[in-house]
Amino acid sequence: MKPLVLLETRLTMDAIEKIHGPPGTGKTYALIERVRGEIDRGMAPEDIGYYSFTRAAAREAARRISIDGQFPHFRTIHSECFKLLGLTRDDVIAGAKLHSFAQAFGYEISDLSEDQDIAEHEVREKVLKTLGDYLLFFEEWRKNLLLDTEQAYRNFMRMEDLPLGWSLPVVVKFQERYEGYKRDNGLYDFADMLLEVLRQRLPPGVRVLVLDESQDCSPLQFKVIDLWLGGVARHYIAGDPFQAIYQWQGARPELFEARQADKKTLLDQSFRLPRKVYELSRQIIAGTPIYRPRDAEGYIKRGTAQRALEAVEQIDGSAFILVRNRYLLTALVEELYLRGVPFGNLRGPSPFRGEIAGRVLLLRRFLRNEPLAVANLTQLLEHIPQKPYLARGLKAEIKRRAQENPGALVRLPSLLGQVTELFTRLAGSDEYMDLLKMTPQYRSYFGRVIAKHGEAALTSKPPILLGTIHSVKGMEADHVIILPDMAKRTWLGGAADPAAEARVWYVAVTRAKQGVTLVDAQQMRSFQWP
């Protein structure tokens, strides 16, 4: 099987505008202005497709339009294919279904988490520890590059530090089992969705197609876009080849650069980067186009991880703490727990994700004898075990009262005959959080957060976000702290393709609106700061 050839677009003269935007120069703003222009010319919202690499970017674009009307085609490419095929989450091999496949054939796969918003899938970094991880990754990588198995195997052998047991027969056997399992159970992986849309030649039915962050598209994604361009009147494409950091899924700067256009626009004013951050970014990649940083000096600091974490607690504004590989997040999370620092985690569990902090706040207010709406009390009691804290029937009674009058107020004294002596004793002690269904680690953590930052920290979005460099693609923060260490596989990949690795660190640095802290390396395998 030969690699598939990208389709030629059928757009006519002056129909394609290509926007090249360095970091912080307003690529999304420029695209939104193009969309506004289309609306002003009479284009209906449902006739405009806005496709971005991340679902957050697509949702933000829809929010910024700020006009009446729904925009059903503001989504990721995968999400549009998911919708076109009429799939549900039960049709996707992820989470429990992927676990069942791995168990059936004896493969060990490290990451079996399932995206809660699977219909809005976005590409994420892969965990590569086991042979099973590599086999699964290879199959997705091969499809994204539109390669047959043998050609992909030869290319893969040259670029990866491969695990014990890796061979072409093992790869072929995995492929047979994986494809057979999906076929027998009517399942799709995320690359399959794109391939099936191509096979059925399914268009989204839009007349204007906008493609943001296009430098991160794989050959397979571009092939889907080329199919969809067959029926549109105008096409706007924006990107920055120096921010192409998804090379492991087939994205390459030259794919964006090769896209033809009738009009080319270069955005030359950054509204994000101060001068010193701009200068550092140009040291990491010297060949980036010259553009103007914003009128601020900014800062570049260096130091140890410990000093950087001490400083981040005193910051004014938002901050990213970034690592190259996901496994490096574990030690940072533990450190932030011990310090009692409010933080969010973009690539893993976070105490401030969901409603955990809110439950702690409700409990504290209730134990202070403040009135709670009975609807809120119902939610709180769901996370307090009946045994050994509550009398039998209390939860059912409060739920019934919430249905009858959700706004009715309840105070703790009115329930004293329906809670146990242990509840009362804990309610008046420093161990009050033992009442909630939380891990001991979370209980200790929230205790430290409240002691250091006060109860207000439970009601605020944490200013500090922890994540991989890939997880903050398209985002920005006032301060950025970057740890240079990396996994062996990543380090070897960087040695083989230094330009590709430099782009990743370029993206990390250029998230900063005020300044960057470059942390000292703690191991030999690390990125060397300029």
Protein backbone atom coordinates (compact mmCIF):
# COMPACT_ATOMS: atom_id res chain seq x y z
CA MET A 1 0.00 0.00 0.00
CA LYS A 2 1.45 3.36 -1.07
CA PRO A 3 1.14 6.55 1.01
CA LEU A 4 -2.03 8.45 0.14
CA VAL A 5 -1.63 11.67 -1.85
CA LEU A 6 -3.19 14.87 -0.52
CA LEU A 7 -6.11 16.17 -2.56
CA GLU A 8 -5.83 19.43 -4.49
CA THR A 9 -8.23 22.13 -3.33
CA ARG A 10 -10.82 23.42 -5.79
CA LEU A 11 -10.97 26.98 -4.52
CA THR A 12 -10.85 29.84 -6.96
CA MET A 13 -8.79 33.04 -7.08
CA ASP A 14 -8.60 35.22 -3.95
CA ALA A 15 -10.39 32.54 -1.96
CA ILE A 16 -7.54 31.41 0.33
CA GLU A 17 -5.83 33.63 2.93
CA LYS A 18 -2.85 32.27 4.84
CA ILE A 19 -1.99 34.02 8.11
CA HIS A 20 1.44 33.53 9.65
CA GLY A 21 1.41 34.65 13.28
CA PRO A 22 4.39 34.48 15.66
CA PRO A 23 3.60 34.01 19.38
CA GLY A 24 1.06 36.42 20.83
CA THR A 25 0.46 38.33 17.60
CA GLY A 26 -3.25 37.59 17.55
CA LYS A 27 -3.80 34.75 15.07
CA THR A 28 -7.10 33.83 16.68
CA TYR A 29 -8.17 37.48 16.78
CA ALA A 30 -7.38 37.82 13.07
CA LEU A 31 -9.41 34.72 12.26
CA ILE A 32 -12.33 35.94 14.37
CA GLU A 33 -12.28 39.19 12.42
CA ARG A 34 -12.49 37.16 9.19
CA VAL A 35 -15.47 35.28 10.61
CA ARG A 36 -17.15 38.55 11.58
CA GLY A 37 -16.63 39.76 8.02
CA GLU A 38 -18.29 36.63 6.67
CA ILE A 39 -21.25 37.13 8.99
CA ASP A 40 -21.53 40.76 7.88
CA ARG A 41 -21.63 39.57 4.26
CA GLY A 42 -24.59 37.35 5.08
CA MET A 43 -22.96 34.00 5.83
CA ALA A 44 -25.00 31.98 8.33
CA PRO A 45 -23.28 30.68 11.49
CA GLU A 46 -23.97 27.07 10.49
CA ASP A 47 -22.14 27.69 7.18
CA ILE A 48 -18.84 28.51 8.91
CA GLY A 49 -16.45 25.78 10.00
CA TYR A 50 -13.79 26.84 12.53
CA TYR A 51 -11.40 24.00 13.29
CA SER A 52 -8.67 24.24 15.89
CA PHE A 53 -6.19 21.79 17.32
CA THR A 54 -7.62 22.04 20.84
CA ARG A 55 -11.25 22.12 21.92
CA ALA A 56 -10.49 25.00 24.30
CA ALA A 57 -9.33 27.12 21.36
CA ALA A 58 -12.44 26.27 19.32
CA ARG A 59 -14.74 27.12 22.25
CA GLU A 60 -12.87 30.36 22.91
CA ALA A 61 -13.26 31.35 19.27
CA ALA A 62 -17.02 30.73 19.45
CA ARG A 63 -17.22 32.75 22.66
CA ARG A 64 -15.35 35.69 21.14
CA ILE A 65 -17.78 35.99 18.24
CA SER A 66 -20.32 37.34 20.76
CA ILE A 67 -23.24 37.52 18.35
CA ASP A 68 -26.57 35.75 18.26
CA GLY A 69 -26.68 32.35 16.64
CA GLN A 70 -25.15 28.96 17.15
CA PHE A 71 -21.87 27.89 15.60
CA PRO A 72 -22.15 24.10 15.35
CA HIS A 73 -18.90 23.73 13.41
CA PHE A 74 -16.54 25.41 15.90
CA ARG A 75 -14.68 22.30 17.04
CA THR A 76 -11.62 20.08 16.57
CA ILE A 77 -11.22 18.09 13.37
CA HIS A 78 -11.67 14.85 15.31
CA SER A 79 -14.86 16.19 16.87
CA GLU A 80 -16.34 17.07 13.48
CA CYS A 81 -15.56 13.58 12.19
CA PHE A 82 -17.10 12.07 15.34
CA LYS A 83 -20.30 14.01 14.62
CA LEU A 84 -20.36 13.27 10.89
CA LEU A 85 -20.14 9.53 11.59
CA GLY A 86 -22.91 9.70 14.20
CA LEU A 87 -20.73 8.08 16.87
CA THR A 88 -21.23 7.91 20.63
CA ARG A 89 -18.61 7.42 23.34
CA ASP A 90 -19.55 3.70 23.34
CA ASP A 91 -18.16 3.45 19.79
CA VAL A 92 -14.65 4.60 20.79
CA ILE A 93 -11.87 2.27 21.94
CA ALA A 94 -10.65 4.17 24.98
CA GLY A 95 -10.62 3.74 28.74
CA ALA A 96 -12.39 0.53 29.78
CA LYS A 97 -12.69 -0.74 26.20
CA LEU A 98 -8.97 -0.31 25.58
CA HIS A 99 -8.33 -2.05 28.90
CA SER A 100 -10.49 -4.99 27.78
CA PHE A 101 -8.49 -5.30 24.56
CA ALA A 102 -5.18 -5.17 26.46
CA GLN A 103 -6.37 -7.85 28.89
CA ALA A 104 -7.68 -10.09 26.11
CA PHE A 105 -4.27 -10.27 24.42
CA GLY A 106 -1.91 -9.73 27.35
CA TYR A 107 -0.64 -6.25 26.48
CA GLU A 108 0.39 -3.82 29.18
CA ILE A 109 -0.81 -0.31 28.35
CA SER A 110 0.10 2.47 30.78
CA ASP A 111 -2.49 5.15 30.07
CA LEU A 112 -6.04 3.79 30.16
CA SER A 113 -7.68 7.04 31.20
CA GLU A 114 -10.77 8.07 29.27
CA ASP A 115 -11.42 11.65 28.26
CA GLN A 116 -14.67 12.79 29.89
CA ASP A 117 -15.44 14.85 26.78
CA ILE A 118 -14.61 12.17 24.26
CA ALA A 119 -16.83 13.70 21.56
CA GLU A 120 -14.51 16.75 21.60
CA HIS A 121 -11.29 14.75 21.39
CA GLU A 122 -7.97 16.55 21.11
CA VAL A 123 -4.51 15.06 20.57
CA ARG A 124 -2.40 14.65 23.71
CA GLU A 125 1.09 13.44 24.50
CA LYS A 126 1.43 9.67 24.87
CA VAL A 127 2.86 7.74 27.80
CA LEU A 128 5.49 5.37 26.39
CA LYS A 129 6.78 2.92 28.99
CA THR A 130 5.86 -0.59 27.89
CA LEU A 131 5.97 -2.56 24.65
CA GLY A 132 2.17 -2.26 24.52
CA ASP A 133 2.43 1.53 24.75
CA TYR A 134 4.83 1.61 21.79
CA LEU A 135 2.72 -0.73 19.68
CA LEU A 136 -0.42 1.34 20.23
CA PHE A 137 1.44 4.59 19.60
CA PHE A 138 3.04 3.22 16.42
CA GLU A 139 -0.34 2.26 14.97
CA GLU A 140 -1.78 5.74 15.53
CA TRP A 141 1.43 7.40 14.30
CA ARG A 142 1.42 5.29 11.14
CA LYS A 143 -2.14 6.26 10.29
CA ASN A 144 -1.51 9.94 10.92
CA LEU A 145 1.39 9.86 8.47
CA LEU A 146 -0.63 7.84 5.92
CA LEU A 147 2.05 5.16 5.74
CA ASP A 148 1.78 1.43 5.18
CA THR A 149 3.11 -0.85 7.93
CA GLU A 150 6.51 -1.76 6.46
CA GLN A 151 7.43 1.78 5.42
CA ALA A 152 6.32 3.13 8.80
CA TYR A 153 8.32 0.42 10.58
CA ARG A 154 11.52 1.38 8.75
CA ASN A 155 11.03 5.06 9.58
CA PHE A 156 10.16 4.34 13.19
CA MET A 157 13.28 2.24 13.71
CA ARG A 158 15.43 5.25 12.85
CA MET A 159 13.77 7.66 15.27
CA GLU A 160 12.89 5.82 18.47
CA ASP A 161 14.65 4.18 21.41
CA LEU A 162 12.61 1.00 21.19
CA PRO A 163 11.64 -1.44 23.96
CA LEU A 164 12.70 -5.07 24.35
CA GLY A 165 10.66 -7.35 22.10
CA TRP A 166 10.13 -4.81 19.31
CA SER A 167 10.16 -6.38 15.84
CA LEU A 168 8.18 -6.26 12.61
CA PRO A 169 6.36 -9.58 13.29
CA VAL A 170 5.35 -8.30 16.75
CA VAL A 171 4.09 -5.05 15.19
CA VAL A 172 2.09 -6.93 12.53
CA LYS A 173 0.57 -9.31 15.09
CA PHE A 174 -0.50 -6.38 17.28
CA GLN A 175 -2.01 -4.66 14.26
CA GLU A 176 -4.01 -7.76 13.33
CA ARG A 177 -5.32 -8.19 16.87
CA TYR A 178 -6.10 -4.51 17.38
CA GLU A 179 -7.89 -4.04 14.06
CA GLY A 180 -9.74 -7.33 14.50
CA TYR A 181 -10.87 -6.45 18.00
CA LYS A 182 -12.21 -3.07 16.85
CA ARG A 183 -13.95 -4.66 13.85
CA ASP A 184 -15.57 -7.40 15.94
CA ASN A 185 -16.83 -4.88 18.51
CA GLY A 186 -17.75 -2.04 16.16
CA LEU A 187 -15.15 0.32 17.64
CA TYR A 188 -13.11 3.22 16.26
CA ASP A 189 -9.91 4.81 17.45
CA PHE A 190 -9.39 8.50 16.80
CA ALA A 191 -7.40 8.05 13.59
CA ASP A 192 -10.07 5.63 12.31
CA MET A 193 -12.65 8.41 12.52
CA LEU A 194 -10.71 10.56 10.08
CA LEU A 195 -10.01 7.64 7.76
CA GLU A 196 -13.68 6.64 7.71
CA VAL A 197 -14.76 10.20 6.87
CA LEU A 198 -12.30 10.09 3.96
CA ARG A 199 -13.56 6.69 2.84
CA GLN A 200 -17.19 7.84 2.87
CA ARG A 201 -16.23 11.32 1.60
CA LEU A 202 -18.37 13.01 4.26
CA PRO A 203 -18.37 16.83 4.16
CA PRO A 204 -19.49 19.03 7.08
CA GLY A 205 -21.50 21.17 4.67
CA VAL A 206 -19.77 24.47 5.43
CA ARG A 207 -19.16 27.27 2.92
CA VAL A 208 -16.31 28.95 4.82
CA LEU A 209 -13.54 26.87 6.39
CA VAL A 210 -11.20 28.35 9.02
CA LEU A 211 -8.21 26.32 10.21
CA ASP A 212 -6.37 27.61 13.30
CA GLU A 213 -3.05 26.30 14.71
CA SER A 214 -2.64 24.47 11.43
CA GLN A 215 1.09 23.91 11.89
CA ASP A 216 0.15 21.04 14.22
CA CYS A 217 -1.98 19.14 11.70
CA SER A 218 -0.80 15.71 10.58
CA PRO A 219 -0.89 14.59 6.93
CA LEU A 220 -4.09 12.69 7.75
CA GLN A 221 -5.76 15.79 9.19
CA PHE A 222 -4.72 17.89 6.20
CA LYS A 223 -6.15 15.25 3.92
CA VAL A 224 -9.52 15.54 5.68
CA ILE A 225 -9.34 19.33 5.42
CA ASP A 226 -8.60 19.06 1.70
CA LEU A 227 -11.69 16.88 1.26
CA TRP A 228 -13.82 19.45 3.07
CA LEU A 229 -12.37 22.33 1.02
CA GLY A 230 -13.99 20.86 -2.06
CA GLY A 231 -17.29 22.54 -1.27
CA VAL A 232 -16.32 25.88 0.30
CA ALA A 233 -16.20 29.41 -1.06
CA ARG A 234 -13.40 30.77 1.13
CA HIS A 235 -10.66 29.35 3.32
CA TYR A 236 -8.62 31.03 6.06
CA ILE A 237 -5.61 29.17 7.44
CA ALA A 238 -3.44 30.41 10.32
CA GLY A 239 -0.36 29.03 11.96
CA ASP A 240 3.29 29.41 12.86
CA PRO A 241 5.73 26.76 11.59
CA PHE A 242 8.09 27.53 14.48
CA GLN A 243 5.40 26.35 16.89
CA ALA A 244 4.91 22.95 15.22
CA ILE A 245 5.47 20.69 18.25
CA TYR A 246 3.38 17.62 17.46
CA GLN A 247 6.03 15.98 15.30
CA TRP A 248 5.36 12.66 17.04
CA GLN A 249 1.93 12.57 15.38
CA GLY A 250 3.21 13.62 11.96
CA ALA A 251 3.07 17.43 12.15
CA ARG A 252 5.96 19.16 10.35
CA PRO A 253 6.56 22.87 9.65
CA GLU A 254 6.87 22.23 5.93
CA LEU A 255 3.29 20.95 5.74
CA PHE A 256 1.99 24.37 6.75
CA GLU A 257 4.55 26.19 4.62
CA ALA A 258 3.55 24.18 1.53
CA ARG A 259 -0.10 25.19 1.75
CA GLN A 260 -0.97 27.41 -1.21
CA ALA A 261 -2.74 30.75 -0.78
CA ASP A 262 -3.94 33.69 -2.84
CA LYS A 263 -3.17 36.12 -0.05
CA LYS A 264 -0.47 35.88 2.64
CA THR A 265 -0.59 37.93 5.84
CA LEU A 266 2.23 38.23 8.38
CA LEU A 267 1.25 39.47 11.84
CA ASP A 268 4.20 41.46 13.14
CA GLN A 269 3.22 42.83 16.57
CA SER A 270 3.22 40.58 19.64
CA PHE A 271 0.80 41.63 22.36
CA ARG A 272 2.20 39.02 24.74
CA LEU A 273 6.00 38.86 24.73
CA PRO A 274 8.10 41.52 26.51
CA ARG A 275 11.53 42.29 25.07
CA LYS A 276 13.67 39.93 27.14
CA VAL A 277 11.37 36.97 26.52
CA TYR A 278 11.34 37.81 22.82
CA GLU A 279 15.16 37.91 22.74
CA LEU A 280 15.42 34.56 24.55
CA SER A 281 12.98 32.96 22.09
CA ARG A 282 15.12 34.12 19.17
CA GLN A 283 18.18 32.56 20.78
CA ILE A 284 16.35 29.22 20.97
CA ILE A 285 15.34 29.42 17.27
CA ALA A 286 17.42 32.00 15.44
CA GLY A 287 15.53 31.87 12.15
CA THR A 288 12.15 33.06 13.36
CA PRO A 289 10.71 36.08 11.52
CA ILE A 290 11.44 39.47 13.01
CA TYR A 291 8.41 40.93 14.73
CA ARG A 292 7.89 43.53 17.44
CA PRO A 293 7.62 42.54 21.11
CA ARG A 294 5.28 44.53 23.32
CA ASP A 295 6.61 47.65 25.02
CA ALA A 296 7.79 46.09 28.29
CA GLU A 297 11.20 44.92 29.49
CA GLY A 298 10.18 41.63 31.11
CA TYR A 299 12.64 39.35 32.88
CA ILE A 300 14.61 36.13 32.55
CA LYS A 301 15.64 34.42 35.79
CA ARG A 302 17.60 31.25 36.52
CA GLY A 303 17.63 29.14 39.65
CA THR A 304 16.94 25.81 41.32
CA ALA A 305 13.55 24.14 41.33
CA GLN A 306 13.19 24.78 45.07
CA ARG A 307 13.82 28.51 44.71
CA ALA A 308 11.44 28.69 41.76
CA LEU A 309 8.67 27.03 43.78
CA GLU A 310 9.29 29.36 46.70
CA ALA A 311 9.04 32.34 44.35
CA VAL A 312 5.87 31.11 42.64
CA GLU A 313 3.99 31.29 45.95
CA GLN A 314 4.64 35.04 46.04
CA ILE A 315 3.68 35.85 42.47
CA ASP A 316 1.22 38.48 41.42
CA GLY A 317 -0.76 37.09 38.51
CA SER A 318 -0.96 33.75 36.74
CA ALA A 319 1.84 31.23 36.35
CA PHE A 320 2.67 28.05 34.45
CA ILE A 321 5.06 25.44 35.81
CA LEU A 322 6.06 23.39 32.77
CA VAL A 323 7.82 20.07 32.21
CA ARG A 324 8.73 18.24 29.02
CA ASN A 325 7.32 14.81 29.94
CA ARG A 326 4.29 13.85 32.01
CA TYR A 327 6.15 11.60 34.45
CA LEU A 328 8.06 14.66 35.69
CA LEU A 329 4.83 16.12 37.05
CA THR A 330 4.62 13.60 39.89
CA ALA A 331 7.38 15.09 42.06
CA LEU A 332 6.10 18.62 41.44
CA VAL A 333 2.57 17.68 42.50
CA GLU A 334 3.89 16.16 45.73
CA GLU A 335 5.91 19.29 46.45
CA LEU A 336 2.94 21.59 45.88
CA TYR A 337 0.81 19.39 48.15
CA LEU A 338 3.36 19.71 50.94
CA ARG A 339 3.63 23.48 50.48
CA GLY A 340 -0.13 23.99 50.46
CA VAL A 341 -0.04 25.86 47.16
CA PRO A 342 -3.37 26.16 45.28
CA PHE A 343 -2.76 24.82 41.77
CA GLY A 344 -4.42 23.24 38.78
CA ASN A 345 -3.00 20.27 36.89
CA LEU A 346 -3.51 20.19 33.12
CA ARG A 347 -2.27 16.63 32.73
CA GLY A 348 -3.40 14.80 35.83
CA PRO A 349 -5.46 14.82 39.02
CA SER A 350 -5.94 18.18 40.71
CA PRO A 351 -7.52 18.90 44.10
CA PHE A 352 -9.07 22.05 42.63
CA ARG A 353 -10.64 20.26 39.69
CA GLY A 354 -14.32 19.52 40.03
CA GLU A 355 -16.19 20.33 43.24
CA ILE A 356 -13.82 19.11 45.97
CA ALA A 357 -12.79 22.59 47.14
CA GLY A 358 -16.43 23.65 47.07
CA ARG A 359 -17.42 20.77 49.35
CA VAL A 360 -14.71 21.71 51.84
CA LEU A 361 -16.05 25.27 51.86
CA LEU A 362 -19.67 24.11 52.35
CA LEU A 363 -18.60 21.87 55.23
CA ARG A 364 -16.71 24.69 56.96
CA ARG A 365 -19.68 27.03 56.66
CA PHE A 366 -22.11 24.41 57.91
CA LEU A 367 -19.95 23.57 60.91
CA ARG A 368 -19.82 27.28 61.76
CA ASN A 369 -23.62 27.15 62.03
CA GLU A 370 -24.08 29.24 58.90
CA PRO A 371 -27.32 28.45 57.04
CA LEU A 372 -27.06 26.30 53.93
CA ALA A 373 -29.68 25.99 51.21
CA VAL A 374 -31.14 22.51 51.55
CA ALA A 375 -30.12 21.76 47.93
CA ASN A 376 -26.47 22.51 48.84
CA LEU A 377 -26.76 20.44 52.01
CA THR A 378 -27.98 17.50 49.91
CA GLN A 379 -24.84 17.73 47.78
CA LEU A 380 -22.65 17.94 50.87
CA LEU A 381 -24.24 14.95 52.60
CA GLU A 382 -23.64 12.82 49.48
CA HIS A 383 -19.94 13.02 50.37
CA ILE A 384 -20.30 12.27 54.09
CA PRO A 385 -20.60 8.52 54.83
CA GLN A 386 -23.78 7.59 56.65
CA LYS A 387 -21.82 5.25 58.89
CA PRO A 388 -20.44 6.29 61.32
CA TYR A 389 -21.53 9.93 61.07
CA LEU A 390 -25.24 10.21 60.21
CA ALA A 391 -28.46 8.73 61.52
CA ARG A 392 -30.27 6.38 59.21
CA GLY A 393 -32.71 8.16 56.90
CA LEU A 394 -31.16 11.63 57.22
CA LYS A 395 -29.90 11.77 53.64
CA ALA A 396 -33.27 10.67 52.26
CA GLU A 397 -35.09 13.24 54.39
CA ILE A 398 -32.84 16.12 53.28
CA LYS A 399 -33.17 15.04 49.64
CA ARG A 400 -36.97 15.05 49.98
CA ARG A 401 -36.89 18.53 51.51
CA ALA A 402 -34.63 19.74 48.68
CA GLN A 403 -37.14 18.53 46.10
CA GLU A 404 -39.98 20.32 47.88
CA ASN A 405 -38.16 23.59 48.57
CA PRO A 406 -34.51 23.70 47.35
CA GLY A 407 -33.96 27.23 48.64
CA ALA A 408 -35.01 26.48 52.22
CA LEU A 409 -32.23 27.14 54.75
CA VAL A 410 -30.88 24.58 57.19
CA ARG A 411 -28.48 25.05 60.13
CA LEU A 412 -26.47 22.39 61.91
CA PRO A 413 -28.26 22.75 65.29
CA SER A 414 -31.49 21.59 63.67
CA LEU A 415 -29.81 18.26 62.83
CA LEU A 416 -28.08 17.58 66.12
CA GLY A 417 -30.43 14.73 66.91
CA GLN A 418 -29.66 13.13 63.55
CA VAL A 419 -25.87 13.14 63.56
CA THR A 420 -23.70 10.87 65.68
CA GLU A 421 -21.47 11.74 68.61
CA LEU A 422 -18.43 11.12 66.37
CA PHE A 423 -19.74 13.69 63.88
CA THR A 424 -20.14 16.25 66.66
CA ARG A 425 -16.67 15.55 68.04
CA LEU A 426 -14.98 15.88 64.63
CA ALA A 427 -17.03 18.99 63.82
CA GLY A 428 -15.41 20.80 66.71
CA SER A 429 -11.83 19.67 66.03
CA ASP A 430 -9.04 20.25 63.52
CA GLU A 431 -9.93 16.87 61.99
CA TYR A 432 -13.29 18.10 60.66
CA MET A 433 -12.34 17.22 57.06
CA ASP A 434 -12.28 13.54 58.05
CA LEU A 435 -16.07 13.76 57.65
CA LEU A 436 -15.69 14.00 53.86
CA LYS A 437 -14.95 11.18 51.44
CA MET A 438 -11.46 12.38 50.54
CA THR A 439 -8.03 10.85 50.54
CA PRO A 440 -5.86 11.64 53.58
CA GLN A 441 -3.51 13.47 51.20
CA TYR A 442 -6.29 15.79 50.02
CA ARG A 443 -7.45 16.44 53.59
CA SER A 444 -3.95 17.44 54.68
CA TYR A 445 -3.47 19.51 51.55
CA PHE A 446 -6.63 21.57 51.95
CA GLY A 447 -5.79 22.12 55.60
CA ARG A 448 -2.44 23.64 54.59
CA VAL A 449 -4.04 25.71 51.79
CA ILE A 450 -6.56 27.25 54.21
CA ALA A 451 -3.90 27.87 56.87
CA LYS A 452 -1.63 29.69 54.39
CA HIS A 453 -4.07 31.40 52.05
CA GLY A 454 -7.35 31.58 53.92
CA GLU A 455 -10.78 30.29 53.01
CA ALA A 456 -10.93 32.60 49.98
CA ALA A 457 -8.53 30.23 48.20
CA LEU A 458 -11.36 27.67 48.02
CA THR A 459 -13.52 30.01 45.95
CA SER A 460 -10.88 31.22 43.49
CA LYS A 461 -9.46 29.63 40.38
CA PRO A 462 -5.85 28.70 41.23
CA PRO A 463 -3.42 31.15 39.60
CA ILE A 464 -0.81 28.42 39.18
CA LEU A 465 -1.19 25.77 36.49
CA LEU A 466 1.04 22.72 36.29
CA GLY A 467 1.44 20.88 32.99
CA THR A 468 3.54 19.68 30.11
CA ILE A 469 4.68 22.13 27.45
CA HIS A 470 2.20 20.57 25.03
CA SER A 471 -0.68 21.08 27.47
CA VAL A 472 -0.37 24.90 27.37
CA LYS A 473 -0.23 25.15 23.59
CA GLY A 474 -2.14 28.27 22.58
CA MET A 475 -2.32 29.54 26.19
CA GLU A 476 -0.48 32.29 28.06
CA ALA A 477 0.40 33.27 31.63
CA ASP A 478 2.09 36.19 33.34
CA HIS A 479 4.95 34.05 34.59
CA VAL A 480 6.38 30.81 33.19
CA ILE A 481 8.68 28.44 35.09
CA ILE A 482 10.30 25.76 32.93
CA LEU A 483 12.12 22.61 34.06
CA PRO A 484 14.58 21.42 31.38
CA ASP A 485 14.82 17.71 32.27
CA MET A 486 13.41 15.12 29.90
CA ALA A 487 12.90 11.41 29.37
CA LYS A 488 15.57 9.35 27.64
CA ARG A 489 13.35 8.78 24.61
CA THR A 490 12.69 12.50 24.27
CA TRP A 491 16.36 13.37 24.74
CA LEU A 492 17.43 10.90 22.05
CA GLY A 493 14.75 12.27 19.74
CA GLY A 494 16.08 15.78 20.32
CA ALA A 495 19.61 14.65 19.52
CA ALA A 496 18.39 13.15 16.24
CA ASP A 497 16.26 16.20 15.32
CA PRO A 498 17.46 19.28 17.27
CA ALA A 499 15.23 21.67 15.30
CA ALA A 500 12.07 19.78 16.28
CA GLU A 501 13.06 19.74 19.94
CA ALA A 502 13.99 23.44 19.91
CA ARG A 503 10.47 24.26 18.73
CA VAL A 504 9.03 22.68 21.89
CA TRP A 505 11.13 24.87 24.19
CA TYR A 506 10.40 27.88 21.99
CA VAL A 507 6.70 27.31 22.63
CA ALA A 508 7.34 27.00 26.38
CA VAL A 509 9.20 30.30 26.61
CA THR A 510 6.75 32.21 24.44
CA ARG A 511 3.79 31.57 26.77
CA ALA A 512 5.09 34.33 29.09
CA LYS A 513 3.55 37.80 29.32
CA GLN A 514 5.94 39.10 32.00
CA GLY A 515 8.89 36.78 32.40
CA VAL A 516 10.44 33.33 32.43
CA THR A 517 12.31 31.38 35.11
CA LEU A 518 14.72 28.80 33.68
CA VAL A 519 15.23 26.06 36.26
CA ASP A 520 18.61 24.36 36.63
CA ALA A 521 18.79 20.84 35.23
CA GLN A 522 18.68 18.01 37.75
CA GLN A 523 19.87 15.29 35.36
CA MET A 524 22.16 14.93 32.36
CA ARG A 525 19.31 14.48 29.89
CA SER A 526 18.01 18.01 29.68
CA PHE A 527 17.60 20.95 27.34
CA GLN A 528 20.55 23.32 27.36
CA TRP A 529 19.40 26.89 27.93
CA PRO A 530 21.00 29.51 25.65
